[in-house]
């Protein structure tokens, strides 16, 4: 396994992911579970964020208390399915700034085509987390990472629900120093470039557009 890949095997994450995988799970339940897993992933991916001390007053005395150091995080969602992860993370990190990158996969070439990009200002002063439910071929992830790195963020991480070995390799062939966090590393991609065993098309299942 690549040293910059972290599979988060927390029992709650794995249990909720199993329910999401079931083809009988409704869109509403799928969305809710995606948000719940996203909160748990956010807890893990932000574990090593730097802290500084701030003098505060409790009801009993003054103390030096830990607070996040530097500017707020930036969360960047790869549209459209990334918004299902974004919403969950924002529940845990409500002060985060938000960016969106619209990408779709050309069905013939499998190359990611960008149709929208809006990122917050001053990214160079912030830690950035890109979110997308699926890391399949890796083309969309690489395109999004390239766009964000043009703005020279302090740090950059990629978070997904599921990853295929092919996608992880493709991303790390291009950006070996970008950490990937995922709830599961599945077996492979099938002939249609879907992750197997997977959970189907995350966007279609999330928004009921199957």
N, C-alpha and C. Protein backbone atom coordinates (compact mmCIF):
# COMPACT_ATOMS: atom_id res chain seq x y z
N UNK A 1 0.84 -1.20 0.00
CA UNK A 1 0.00 0.00 0.00
C UNK A 1 0.88 1.25 0.00
N UNK A 2 0.47 2.26 -0.75
CA UNK A 2 1.25 3.49 -0.85
C UNK A 2 1.30 4.19 0.51
N UNK A 3 2.47 4.70 0.89
CA UNK A 3 2.59 5.35 2.20
C UNK A 3 1.70 6.57 2.37
N UNK A 4 1.26 7.18 1.27
CA UNK A 4 0.40 8.36 1.36
C UNK A 4 -1.08 8.01 1.17
N UNK A 5 -1.43 6.74 1.39
CA UNK A 5 -2.83 6.31 1.36
C UNK A 5 -3.23 5.86 2.75
N UNK A 6 -4.32 6.43 3.28
CA UNK A 6 -4.84 6.04 4.59
C UNK A 6 -6.24 5.49 4.42
N UNK A 7 -6.44 4.22 4.79
CA UNK A 7 -7.76 3.61 4.78
C UNK A 7 -8.31 3.66 6.20
N UNK A 8 -9.42 4.35 6.37
CA UNK A 8 -9.97 4.57 7.71
C UNK A 8 -10.92 3.43 8.05
N UNK A 9 -10.44 2.52 8.86
CA UNK A 9 -11.18 1.30 9.16
C UNK A 9 -12.04 1.37 10.40
N UNK A 10 -12.39 2.58 10.85
CA UNK A 10 -13.21 2.71 12.05
C UNK A 10 -14.50 1.89 11.89
N UNK A 11 -14.92 1.14 12.92
CA UNK A 11 -16.12 0.30 12.81
C UNK A 11 -17.37 1.05 12.37
N UNK A 12 -17.57 2.27 12.85
CA UNK A 12 -18.75 3.03 12.44
C UNK A 12 -18.69 3.38 10.95
N UNK A 13 -17.51 3.74 10.47
CA UNK A 13 -17.34 4.04 9.05
C UNK A 13 -17.67 2.81 8.21
N UNK A 14 -17.12 1.66 8.60
CA UNK A 14 -17.31 0.44 7.82
C UNK A 14 -18.76 -0.02 7.83
N UNK A 15 -19.41 0.08 8.99
CA UNK A 15 -20.82 -0.31 9.09
C UNK A 15 -21.70 0.55 8.19
N UNK A 16 -21.52 1.86 8.26
CA UNK A 16 -22.33 2.77 7.45
C UNK A 16 -22.04 2.58 5.96
N UNK A 17 -20.78 2.32 5.62
CA UNK A 17 -20.42 2.11 4.23
C UNK A 17 -21.10 0.85 3.68
N UNK A 18 -21.18 -0.18 4.48
CA UNK A 18 -21.85 -1.41 4.06
C UNK A 18 -23.31 -1.14 3.69
N UNK A 19 -23.99 -0.34 4.49
CA UNK A 19 -25.39 0.00 4.20
C UNK A 19 -25.47 0.79 2.89
N UNK A 20 -24.52 1.69 2.68
CA UNK A 20 -24.51 2.46 1.43
C UNK A 20 -24.31 1.55 0.22
N UNK A 21 -23.52 0.50 0.38
CA UNK A 21 -23.24 -0.40 -0.75
C UNK A 21 -24.49 -1.16 -1.20
N UNK A 22 -25.42 -1.43 -0.29
CA UNK A 22 -26.58 -2.25 -0.62
C UNK A 22 -27.43 -1.57 -1.69
N UNK A 23 -27.78 -2.29 -2.74
CA UNK A 23 -28.56 -1.70 -3.82
C UNK A 23 -29.97 -1.33 -3.37
N UNK A 24 -30.42 -1.89 -2.26
CA UNK A 24 -31.77 -1.60 -1.76
C UNK A 24 -31.83 -0.30 -0.95
N UNK A 25 -30.69 0.31 -0.65
CA UNK A 25 -30.67 1.53 0.16
C UNK A 25 -31.24 2.70 -0.65
N UNK A 26 -32.19 3.43 -0.06
CA UNK A 26 -32.84 4.55 -0.75
C UNK A 26 -31.90 5.73 -0.92
N UNK A 27 -32.25 6.65 -1.83
CA UNK A 27 -31.44 7.84 -2.06
C UNK A 27 -31.33 8.68 -0.79
N UNK A 28 -32.46 8.84 -0.09
CA UNK A 28 -32.44 9.65 1.13
C UNK A 28 -31.51 9.07 2.18
N UNK A 29 -31.57 7.76 2.37
CA UNK A 29 -30.70 7.10 3.35
C UNK A 29 -29.25 7.14 2.89
N UNK A 30 -29.04 6.97 1.58
CA UNK A 30 -27.70 7.03 1.01
C UNK A 30 -27.07 8.39 1.29
N UNK A 31 -27.82 9.46 1.05
CA UNK A 31 -27.32 10.82 1.30
C UNK A 31 -26.98 11.02 2.77
N UNK A 32 -27.88 10.56 3.63
CA UNK A 32 -27.66 10.76 5.07
C UNK A 32 -26.40 10.02 5.53
N UNK A 33 -26.23 8.79 5.06
CA UNK A 33 -25.06 8.00 5.46
C UNK A 33 -23.77 8.62 4.90
N UNK A 34 -23.84 9.15 3.68
CA UNK A 34 -22.66 9.81 3.11
C UNK A 34 -22.23 10.97 4.00
N UNK A 35 -23.20 11.75 4.48
CA UNK A 35 -22.88 12.86 5.37
C UNK A 35 -22.31 12.41 6.68
N UNK A 36 -22.85 11.31 7.23
CA UNK A 36 -22.37 10.80 8.51
C UNK A 36 -20.93 10.27 8.37
N UNK A 37 -20.67 9.54 7.30
CA UNK A 37 -19.31 9.04 7.08
C UNK A 37 -18.36 10.20 6.86
N UNK A 38 -18.81 11.22 6.14
CA UNK A 38 -17.97 12.39 5.88
C UNK A 38 -17.53 13.05 7.18
N UNK A 39 -18.42 13.13 8.16
CA UNK A 39 -18.05 13.71 9.45
C UNK A 39 -16.95 12.89 10.11
N UNK A 40 -17.06 11.56 10.04
CA UNK A 40 -16.05 10.70 10.64
C UNK A 40 -14.72 10.79 9.88
N UNK A 41 -14.78 10.89 8.56
CA UNK A 41 -13.56 11.06 7.77
C UNK A 41 -12.90 12.39 8.08
N UNK A 42 -13.72 13.44 8.24
CA UNK A 42 -13.18 14.76 8.56
C UNK A 42 -12.43 14.73 9.89
N UNK A 43 -12.96 14.00 10.84
CA UNK A 43 -12.29 13.86 12.14
C UNK A 43 -10.89 13.27 11.97
N UNK A 44 -10.77 12.26 11.11
CA UNK A 44 -9.48 11.61 10.90
C UNK A 44 -8.52 12.46 10.07
N UNK A 45 -9.03 13.07 9.00
CA UNK A 45 -8.15 13.79 8.08
C UNK A 45 -7.60 15.07 8.70
N UNK A 46 -8.29 15.60 9.71
CA UNK A 46 -7.83 16.83 10.37
C UNK A 46 -7.08 16.56 11.67
N UNK A 47 -6.77 15.32 11.92
CA UNK A 47 -6.17 14.92 13.20
C UNK A 47 -4.87 15.65 13.51
N UNK A 48 -4.08 15.96 12.47
CA UNK A 48 -2.75 16.56 12.72
C UNK A 48 -2.70 18.05 12.38
N UNK A 49 -3.84 18.72 12.29
CA UNK A 49 -3.81 20.16 12.03
C UNK A 49 -3.11 20.87 13.19
N UNK A 50 -2.29 21.88 12.89
CA UNK A 50 -1.54 22.56 13.95
C UNK A 50 -2.45 23.39 14.86
N UNK A 51 -2.04 23.47 16.12
CA UNK A 51 -2.76 24.25 17.12
C UNK A 51 -1.88 25.35 17.68
N UNK A 52 -2.50 26.40 18.15
CA UNK A 52 -1.81 27.43 18.92
C UNK A 52 -2.62 27.67 20.18
N UNK A 53 -2.08 28.48 21.08
CA UNK A 53 -2.76 28.74 22.35
C UNK A 53 -3.38 30.13 22.35
N UNK A 54 -4.57 30.21 22.92
CA UNK A 54 -5.28 31.48 23.02
C UNK A 54 -5.73 31.66 24.47
N UNK A 55 -5.49 32.83 24.99
CA UNK A 55 -5.89 33.09 26.38
C UNK A 55 -7.40 33.33 26.41
N UNK A 56 -8.11 32.55 27.21
CA UNK A 56 -9.56 32.68 27.36
C UNK A 56 -9.92 32.70 28.84
N UNK A 57 -11.15 33.07 29.10
CA UNK A 57 -11.67 33.02 30.47
C UNK A 57 -12.78 31.99 30.55
N UNK A 58 -12.60 31.00 31.40
CA UNK A 58 -13.68 30.08 31.71
C UNK A 58 -14.51 30.70 32.84
N UNK A 59 -15.63 30.11 33.22
CA UNK A 59 -16.37 30.65 34.37
C UNK A 59 -15.56 30.68 35.67
N UNK A 60 -14.44 29.95 35.70
CA UNK A 60 -13.69 29.84 36.94
C UNK A 60 -12.34 30.55 36.92
N UNK A 61 -11.68 30.59 35.75
CA UNK A 61 -10.35 31.22 35.72
C UNK A 61 -9.91 31.46 34.28
N UNK A 62 -8.77 32.14 34.15
CA UNK A 62 -8.14 32.36 32.85
C UNK A 62 -7.23 31.19 32.52
N UNK A 63 -7.19 30.82 31.24
CA UNK A 63 -6.30 29.72 30.85
C UNK A 63 -5.83 29.93 29.41
N UNK A 64 -4.73 29.26 29.04
CA UNK A 64 -4.26 29.19 27.67
C UNK A 64 -4.86 27.94 27.04
N UNK A 65 -5.77 28.12 26.08
CA UNK A 65 -6.51 26.99 25.51
C UNK A 65 -6.14 26.79 24.04
N UNK A 66 -6.14 25.53 23.56
CA UNK A 66 -5.76 25.24 22.18
C UNK A 66 -6.84 25.64 21.18
N UNK A 67 -6.40 26.27 20.08
CA UNK A 67 -7.28 26.61 18.96
C UNK A 67 -6.53 26.29 17.67
N UNK A 68 -7.26 26.11 16.58
CA UNK A 68 -6.62 25.84 15.30
C UNK A 68 -5.74 27.02 14.91
N UNK A 69 -4.55 26.70 14.43
CA UNK A 69 -3.58 27.73 14.07
C UNK A 69 -3.75 28.14 12.61
N UNK A 70 -3.70 29.42 12.36
CA UNK A 70 -3.77 29.91 10.99
C UNK A 70 -5.19 30.14 10.52
N UNK A 71 -5.35 30.33 9.21
CA UNK A 71 -6.66 30.61 8.62
C UNK A 71 -7.51 29.34 8.54
N UNK A 72 -8.83 29.56 8.34
CA UNK A 72 -9.74 28.44 8.25
C UNK A 72 -9.40 27.53 7.07
N UNK A 73 -9.83 26.28 7.19
CA UNK A 73 -9.65 25.30 6.12
C UNK A 73 -10.46 25.70 4.88
N UNK A 74 -10.05 25.15 3.74
CA UNK A 74 -10.85 25.23 2.52
C UNK A 74 -11.25 23.81 2.13
N UNK A 75 -12.53 23.60 1.91
CA UNK A 75 -13.04 22.33 1.39
C UNK A 75 -13.43 22.55 -0.07
N UNK A 76 -12.91 21.71 -0.96
CA UNK A 76 -13.20 21.83 -2.38
C UNK A 76 -13.95 20.58 -2.83
N UNK A 77 -15.18 20.78 -3.31
CA UNK A 77 -16.02 19.67 -3.77
C UNK A 77 -15.91 19.50 -5.27
N UNK A 78 -15.70 18.25 -5.71
CA UNK A 78 -15.77 17.93 -7.12
C UNK A 78 -17.24 17.63 -7.43
N UNK A 79 -17.84 18.53 -8.23
CA UNK A 79 -19.28 18.42 -8.52
C UNK A 79 -19.55 17.18 -9.39
N UNK A 80 -20.75 16.57 -9.20
CA UNK A 80 -21.77 17.01 -8.26
C UNK A 80 -21.76 16.18 -6.99
N UNK A 81 -21.26 14.94 -7.12
CA UNK A 81 -21.36 14.01 -6.00
C UNK A 81 -20.54 14.44 -4.79
N UNK A 82 -19.50 15.25 -5.02
CA UNK A 82 -18.69 15.71 -3.90
C UNK A 82 -19.47 16.49 -2.87
N UNK A 83 -20.61 17.08 -3.28
CA UNK A 83 -21.40 17.86 -2.33
C UNK A 83 -21.98 17.00 -1.22
N UNK A 84 -22.19 15.72 -1.48
CA UNK A 84 -22.67 14.83 -0.43
C UNK A 84 -21.65 14.65 0.68
N UNK A 85 -20.37 14.70 0.33
CA UNK A 85 -19.30 14.63 1.33
C UNK A 85 -19.09 16.00 1.95
N UNK A 86 -19.15 17.03 1.14
CA UNK A 86 -18.95 18.40 1.60
C UNK A 86 -19.93 18.75 2.73
N UNK A 87 -21.21 18.43 2.55
CA UNK A 87 -22.20 18.80 3.54
C UNK A 87 -21.91 18.18 4.90
N UNK A 88 -21.48 16.92 4.91
CA UNK A 88 -21.15 16.27 6.16
C UNK A 88 -19.95 16.89 6.84
N UNK A 89 -18.94 17.22 6.05
CA UNK A 89 -17.73 17.82 6.63
C UNK A 89 -18.02 19.21 7.19
N UNK A 90 -18.91 19.95 6.52
CA UNK A 90 -19.22 21.29 7.00
C UNK A 90 -19.95 21.27 8.34
N UNK A 91 -20.63 20.16 8.62
CA UNK A 91 -21.26 20.05 9.93
C UNK A 91 -20.22 19.99 11.05
N UNK A 92 -19.07 19.43 10.74
CA UNK A 92 -18.00 19.34 11.73
C UNK A 92 -17.09 20.56 11.68
N UNK A 93 -16.94 21.15 10.48
CA UNK A 93 -16.03 22.30 10.29
C UNK A 93 -16.83 23.44 9.66
N UNK A 94 -17.79 24.02 10.38
CA UNK A 94 -18.69 25.01 9.77
C UNK A 94 -18.01 26.29 9.31
N UNK A 95 -16.82 26.60 9.84
CA UNK A 95 -16.14 27.84 9.46
C UNK A 95 -15.32 27.69 8.19
N UNK A 96 -15.24 26.48 7.65
CA UNK A 96 -14.42 26.26 6.46
C UNK A 96 -14.94 27.07 5.28
N UNK A 97 -14.02 27.54 4.44
CA UNK A 97 -14.39 28.16 3.18
C UNK A 97 -14.59 27.04 2.16
N UNK A 98 -15.38 27.31 1.12
CA UNK A 98 -15.78 26.24 0.21
C UNK A 98 -15.49 26.62 -1.24
N UNK A 99 -14.94 25.68 -1.98
CA UNK A 99 -14.75 25.83 -3.42
C UNK A 99 -15.43 24.69 -4.15
N UNK A 100 -15.71 24.90 -5.44
CA UNK A 100 -16.32 23.87 -6.27
C UNK A 100 -15.57 23.75 -7.59
N UNK A 101 -15.36 22.52 -8.02
CA UNK A 101 -14.79 22.26 -9.34
C UNK A 101 -15.73 21.31 -10.05
N UNK A 102 -16.26 21.74 -11.20
CA UNK A 102 -17.16 20.91 -11.98
C UNK A 102 -16.39 20.12 -13.03
N UNK A 103 -16.47 18.79 -12.94
CA UNK A 103 -15.77 17.91 -13.89
C UNK A 103 -16.70 16.80 -14.32
N UNK A 104 -16.59 16.37 -15.57
CA UNK A 104 -17.27 15.15 -15.99
C UNK A 104 -16.29 14.31 -16.80
N UNK A 105 -16.54 13.00 -16.78
CA UNK A 105 -15.64 12.08 -17.48
C UNK A 105 -16.15 11.82 -18.88
N UNK A 106 -15.32 12.17 -19.87
CA UNK A 106 -15.69 11.90 -21.26
C UNK A 106 -15.87 10.39 -21.44
N UNK A 107 -17.05 9.94 -21.89
CA UNK A 107 -17.31 8.50 -21.94
C UNK A 107 -16.40 7.73 -22.90
N UNK A 108 -15.83 8.43 -23.89
CA UNK A 108 -14.97 7.74 -24.86
C UNK A 108 -13.51 7.75 -24.44
N UNK A 109 -13.02 8.92 -24.03
CA UNK A 109 -11.60 9.03 -23.69
C UNK A 109 -11.31 8.81 -22.21
N UNK A 110 -12.37 8.91 -21.36
CA UNK A 110 -12.26 8.81 -19.90
C UNK A 110 -11.49 9.98 -19.29
N UNK A 111 -11.16 10.97 -20.11
CA UNK A 111 -10.45 12.15 -19.62
C UNK A 111 -11.44 13.09 -18.92
N UNK A 112 -11.00 13.71 -17.82
CA UNK A 112 -11.85 14.64 -17.08
C UNK A 112 -11.94 15.97 -17.82
N UNK A 113 -13.16 16.45 -18.01
CA UNK A 113 -13.40 17.72 -18.69
C UNK A 113 -13.96 18.72 -17.67
N UNK A 114 -13.31 19.86 -17.54
CA UNK A 114 -13.75 20.86 -16.57
C UNK A 114 -14.80 21.78 -17.19
N UNK A 115 -15.89 22.03 -16.44
CA UNK A 115 -16.91 22.96 -16.92
C UNK A 115 -17.18 24.08 -15.92
N UNK A 116 -16.56 24.01 -14.73
CA UNK A 116 -16.80 25.05 -13.72
C UNK A 116 -15.67 25.00 -12.70
N UNK A 117 -15.25 26.17 -12.23
CA UNK A 117 -14.26 26.24 -11.15
C UNK A 117 -14.40 27.56 -10.41
N UNK A 118 -14.67 27.48 -9.13
CA UNK A 118 -14.77 28.67 -8.28
C UNK A 118 -14.12 28.33 -6.94
N UNK A 119 -12.99 28.98 -6.66
CA UNK A 119 -12.24 28.70 -5.44
C UNK A 119 -12.15 29.96 -4.58
N UNK A 120 -12.08 29.81 -3.26
CA UNK A 120 -11.96 30.97 -2.38
C UNK A 120 -10.62 31.68 -2.59
N UNK A 121 -10.55 32.96 -2.22
CA UNK A 121 -9.28 33.69 -2.33
C UNK A 121 -8.30 33.26 -1.24
N UNK A 122 -7.05 33.63 -1.42
CA UNK A 122 -5.99 33.43 -0.42
C UNK A 122 -5.80 31.97 -0.04
N UNK A 123 -5.94 31.07 -1.02
CA UNK A 123 -5.73 29.65 -0.74
C UNK A 123 -4.30 29.39 -0.31
N UNK A 124 -3.38 30.23 -0.76
CA UNK A 124 -1.98 30.02 -0.40
C UNK A 124 -1.75 30.11 1.11
N UNK A 125 -2.71 30.67 1.85
CA UNK A 125 -2.59 30.77 3.30
C UNK A 125 -3.40 29.70 4.02
N UNK A 126 -3.95 28.74 3.27
CA UNK A 126 -4.89 27.80 3.88
C UNK A 126 -4.53 26.34 3.55
N UNK A 127 -4.99 25.45 4.42
CA UNK A 127 -4.93 24.01 4.17
C UNK A 127 -6.20 23.63 3.41
N UNK A 128 -6.04 22.82 2.36
CA UNK A 128 -7.16 22.49 1.47
C UNK A 128 -7.43 20.99 1.49
N UNK A 129 -8.72 20.65 1.51
CA UNK A 129 -9.15 19.25 1.40
C UNK A 129 -10.09 19.14 0.21
N UNK A 130 -9.73 18.33 -0.79
CA UNK A 130 -10.60 18.05 -1.93
C UNK A 130 -11.45 16.83 -1.60
N UNK A 131 -12.76 16.89 -1.88
CA UNK A 131 -13.64 15.78 -1.55
C UNK A 131 -14.39 15.29 -2.78
N UNK A 132 -14.49 13.97 -2.92
CA UNK A 132 -15.24 13.32 -3.99
C UNK A 132 -15.53 11.90 -3.51
N UNK A 133 -16.75 11.40 -3.67
CA UNK A 133 -17.05 10.06 -3.12
C UNK A 133 -16.20 8.94 -3.71
N UNK A 134 -15.89 9.00 -5.02
CA UNK A 134 -15.24 7.89 -5.69
C UNK A 134 -13.91 8.28 -6.31
N UNK A 135 -12.88 7.49 -6.05
CA UNK A 135 -11.60 7.63 -6.74
C UNK A 135 -11.48 6.40 -7.63
N UNK A 136 -11.93 6.53 -8.87
CA UNK A 136 -11.98 5.38 -9.79
C UNK A 136 -10.75 5.38 -10.69
N UNK A 137 -10.83 6.01 -11.86
CA UNK A 137 -9.65 6.07 -12.73
C UNK A 137 -8.62 7.05 -12.21
N UNK A 138 -9.07 8.04 -11.46
CA UNK A 138 -8.17 9.06 -10.94
C UNK A 138 -8.06 10.30 -11.80
N UNK A 139 -8.68 10.30 -12.99
CA UNK A 139 -8.54 11.45 -13.89
C UNK A 139 -9.17 12.72 -13.30
N UNK A 140 -10.36 12.60 -12.72
CA UNK A 140 -11.01 13.77 -12.12
C UNK A 140 -10.21 14.28 -10.93
N UNK A 141 -9.72 13.36 -10.12
CA UNK A 141 -8.93 13.75 -8.95
C UNK A 141 -7.68 14.51 -9.38
N UNK A 142 -6.97 14.00 -10.38
CA UNK A 142 -5.75 14.65 -10.85
C UNK A 142 -6.06 16.03 -11.42
N UNK A 143 -7.15 16.15 -12.19
CA UNK A 143 -7.52 17.44 -12.75
C UNK A 143 -7.83 18.45 -11.65
N UNK A 144 -8.56 18.01 -10.61
CA UNK A 144 -8.89 18.91 -9.50
C UNK A 144 -7.64 19.29 -8.71
N UNK A 145 -6.78 18.33 -8.46
CA UNK A 145 -5.54 18.60 -7.73
C UNK A 145 -4.69 19.61 -8.49
N UNK A 146 -4.59 19.44 -9.80
CA UNK A 146 -3.81 20.39 -10.62
C UNK A 146 -4.36 21.80 -10.48
N UNK A 147 -5.69 21.94 -10.53
CA UNK A 147 -6.31 23.26 -10.43
C UNK A 147 -6.02 23.91 -9.10
N UNK A 148 -6.10 23.13 -8.02
CA UNK A 148 -5.88 23.69 -6.68
C UNK A 148 -4.40 24.02 -6.49
N UNK A 149 -3.51 23.16 -6.96
CA UNK A 149 -2.08 23.40 -6.77
C UNK A 149 -1.60 24.63 -7.54
N UNK A 150 -2.32 25.02 -8.59
CA UNK A 150 -1.98 26.27 -9.27
C UNK A 150 -2.03 27.46 -8.32
N UNK A 151 -2.85 27.34 -7.27
CA UNK A 151 -3.03 28.42 -6.30
C UNK A 151 -2.08 28.30 -5.10
N UNK A 152 -1.24 27.26 -5.10
CA UNK A 152 -0.18 27.08 -4.09
C UNK A 152 -0.73 27.07 -2.65
N UNK A 153 -1.60 26.12 -2.32
CA UNK A 153 -2.11 26.03 -0.94
C UNK A 153 -1.02 25.64 0.04
N UNK A 154 -1.24 25.92 1.32
CA UNK A 154 -0.30 25.50 2.36
C UNK A 154 -0.14 23.99 2.35
N UNK A 155 -1.26 23.28 2.24
CA UNK A 155 -1.23 21.83 2.15
C UNK A 155 -2.46 21.37 1.39
N UNK A 156 -2.43 20.13 0.90
CA UNK A 156 -3.55 19.61 0.12
C UNK A 156 -3.73 18.13 0.44
N UNK A 157 -5.00 17.74 0.67
CA UNK A 157 -5.35 16.34 0.92
C UNK A 157 -6.57 15.99 0.08
N UNK A 158 -6.70 14.70 -0.23
CA UNK A 158 -7.84 14.22 -1.02
C UNK A 158 -8.59 13.19 -0.20
N UNK A 159 -9.93 13.37 -0.12
CA UNK A 159 -10.77 12.48 0.70
C UNK A 159 -11.86 11.88 -0.17
N UNK A 160 -12.07 10.57 -0.06
CA UNK A 160 -13.12 9.89 -0.80
C UNK A 160 -13.71 8.76 0.04
N UNK A 161 -14.89 8.29 -0.37
CA UNK A 161 -15.51 7.15 0.31
C UNK A 161 -14.87 5.84 -0.14
N UNK A 162 -14.71 5.70 -1.45
CA UNK A 162 -14.16 4.48 -2.03
C UNK A 162 -13.03 4.82 -2.99
N UNK A 163 -12.04 3.93 -3.04
CA UNK A 163 -10.94 4.10 -4.00
C UNK A 163 -10.65 2.77 -4.67
N UNK A 164 -10.25 2.84 -5.93
CA UNK A 164 -9.75 1.68 -6.65
C UNK A 164 -8.23 1.76 -6.70
N UNK A 165 -7.54 0.62 -6.68
CA UNK A 165 -6.07 0.66 -6.75
C UNK A 165 -5.56 1.43 -7.97
N UNK A 166 -6.28 1.31 -9.11
CA UNK A 166 -5.86 2.01 -10.32
C UNK A 166 -5.91 3.53 -10.13
N UNK A 167 -6.95 4.01 -9.44
CA UNK A 167 -7.08 5.44 -9.20
C UNK A 167 -6.02 5.96 -8.25
N UNK A 168 -5.74 5.20 -7.20
CA UNK A 168 -4.71 5.60 -6.25
C UNK A 168 -3.36 5.69 -6.96
N UNK A 169 -3.07 4.69 -7.79
CA UNK A 169 -1.79 4.69 -8.53
C UNK A 169 -1.71 5.89 -9.48
N UNK A 170 -2.81 6.17 -10.18
CA UNK A 170 -2.80 7.28 -11.14
C UNK A 170 -2.55 8.61 -10.44
N UNK A 171 -3.22 8.83 -9.31
CA UNK A 171 -3.02 10.07 -8.57
C UNK A 171 -1.59 10.17 -8.06
N UNK A 172 -1.09 9.10 -7.47
CA UNK A 172 0.25 9.17 -6.89
C UNK A 172 1.36 9.10 -7.93
N UNK A 173 1.06 8.62 -9.14
CA UNK A 173 2.03 8.74 -10.22
C UNK A 173 2.24 10.22 -10.59
N UNK A 174 1.16 11.00 -10.48
CA UNK A 174 1.23 12.43 -10.79
C UNK A 174 1.61 13.27 -9.58
N UNK A 175 1.06 12.92 -8.41
CA UNK A 175 1.26 13.73 -7.20
C UNK A 175 1.55 12.81 -6.01
N UNK A 176 2.75 12.27 -5.94
CA UNK A 176 3.06 11.30 -4.88
C UNK A 176 2.98 11.86 -3.47
N UNK A 177 3.04 13.18 -3.33
CA UNK A 177 3.04 13.78 -1.99
C UNK A 177 1.66 14.22 -1.51
N UNK A 178 0.61 13.98 -2.31
CA UNK A 178 -0.74 14.34 -1.88
C UNK A 178 -1.35 13.15 -1.14
N UNK A 179 -1.64 13.30 0.15
CA UNK A 179 -2.24 12.20 0.91
C UNK A 179 -3.67 11.92 0.45
N UNK A 180 -4.01 10.65 0.37
CA UNK A 180 -5.37 10.21 0.06
C UNK A 180 -5.95 9.52 1.29
N UNK A 181 -7.15 9.93 1.67
CA UNK A 181 -7.88 9.29 2.77
C UNK A 181 -9.15 8.68 2.20
N UNK A 182 -9.41 7.42 2.54
CA UNK A 182 -10.60 6.76 2.03
C UNK A 182 -11.17 5.81 3.07
N UNK A 183 -12.46 5.49 2.94
CA UNK A 183 -13.08 4.53 3.84
C UNK A 183 -12.81 3.09 3.42
N UNK A 184 -12.50 2.89 2.12
CA UNK A 184 -12.23 1.53 1.65
C UNK A 184 -11.43 1.56 0.36
N UNK A 185 -10.51 0.62 0.23
CA UNK A 185 -9.80 0.39 -1.03
C UNK A 185 -10.39 -0.87 -1.64
N UNK A 186 -11.20 -0.71 -2.67
CA UNK A 186 -11.88 -1.85 -3.28
C UNK A 186 -10.96 -2.62 -4.22
N UNK A 187 -11.53 -3.68 -4.83
CA UNK A 187 -10.71 -4.64 -5.56
C UNK A 187 -10.11 -4.07 -6.83
N UNK A 188 -10.95 -3.44 -7.68
CA UNK A 188 -10.46 -3.03 -9.00
C UNK A 188 -11.52 -2.20 -9.70
N UNK A 189 -11.23 -1.83 -10.95
CA UNK A 189 -12.22 -1.23 -11.86
C UNK A 189 -12.70 -2.31 -12.83
N UNK A 190 -14.00 -2.24 -13.19
CA UNK A 190 -14.50 -3.19 -14.18
C UNK A 190 -14.28 -2.63 -15.59
N UNK A 191 -14.82 -3.29 -16.59
CA UNK A 191 -14.58 -2.89 -17.98
C UNK A 191 -15.19 -1.52 -18.30
N UNK A 192 -16.18 -1.09 -17.50
CA UNK A 192 -16.79 0.23 -17.69
C UNK A 192 -16.15 1.29 -16.78
N UNK A 193 -15.09 0.90 -16.10
CA UNK A 193 -14.33 1.79 -15.22
C UNK A 193 -15.13 2.19 -13.97
N UNK A 194 -16.01 1.29 -13.52
CA UNK A 194 -16.67 1.46 -12.24
C UNK A 194 -15.91 0.67 -11.18
N UNK A 195 -15.90 1.20 -9.95
CA UNK A 195 -15.23 0.50 -8.85
C UNK A 195 -16.06 -0.73 -8.48
N UNK A 196 -15.38 -1.88 -8.33
CA UNK A 196 -16.05 -3.10 -7.86
C UNK A 196 -15.33 -3.63 -6.62
N UNK A 197 -16.09 -4.15 -5.63
CA UNK A 197 -17.55 -4.29 -5.63
C UNK A 197 -18.30 -2.95 -5.59
N UNK A 198 -17.70 -1.91 -5.07
CA UNK A 198 -18.23 -0.56 -5.18
C UNK A 198 -19.58 -0.33 -4.52
N UNK A 199 -20.26 0.72 -5.00
CA UNK A 199 -21.61 1.03 -4.53
C UNK A 199 -22.45 1.65 -5.64
N UNK A 200 -22.00 1.48 -6.89
CA UNK A 200 -22.70 2.08 -8.02
C UNK A 200 -22.25 3.49 -8.28
N UNK A 201 -23.05 4.25 -9.03
CA UNK A 201 -22.74 5.65 -9.31
C UNK A 201 -23.18 6.49 -8.11
N UNK A 202 -22.22 7.05 -7.39
CA UNK A 202 -22.52 7.77 -6.15
C UNK A 202 -23.45 8.95 -6.39
N UNK A 203 -23.20 9.70 -7.47
CA UNK A 203 -24.03 10.86 -7.75
C UNK A 203 -25.47 10.48 -8.04
N UNK A 204 -25.66 9.44 -8.89
CA UNK A 204 -27.01 9.01 -9.22
C UNK A 204 -27.74 8.48 -7.99
N UNK A 205 -27.04 7.72 -7.16
CA UNK A 205 -27.69 7.17 -5.97
C UNK A 205 -27.98 8.26 -4.93
N UNK A 206 -27.12 9.24 -4.86
CA UNK A 206 -27.28 10.32 -3.89
C UNK A 206 -28.47 11.21 -4.23
N UNK A 207 -28.65 11.46 -5.53
CA UNK A 207 -29.66 12.42 -5.95
C UNK A 207 -30.86 11.79 -6.65
N UNK A 208 -30.91 10.45 -6.68
CA UNK A 208 -32.07 9.76 -7.25
C UNK A 208 -32.21 9.93 -8.74
N UNK A 209 -31.09 10.01 -9.46
CA UNK A 209 -31.14 10.24 -10.91
C UNK A 209 -30.75 9.00 -11.70
N UNK A 210 -30.93 7.84 -11.12
CA UNK A 210 -30.56 6.59 -11.79
C UNK A 210 -31.50 6.29 -12.95
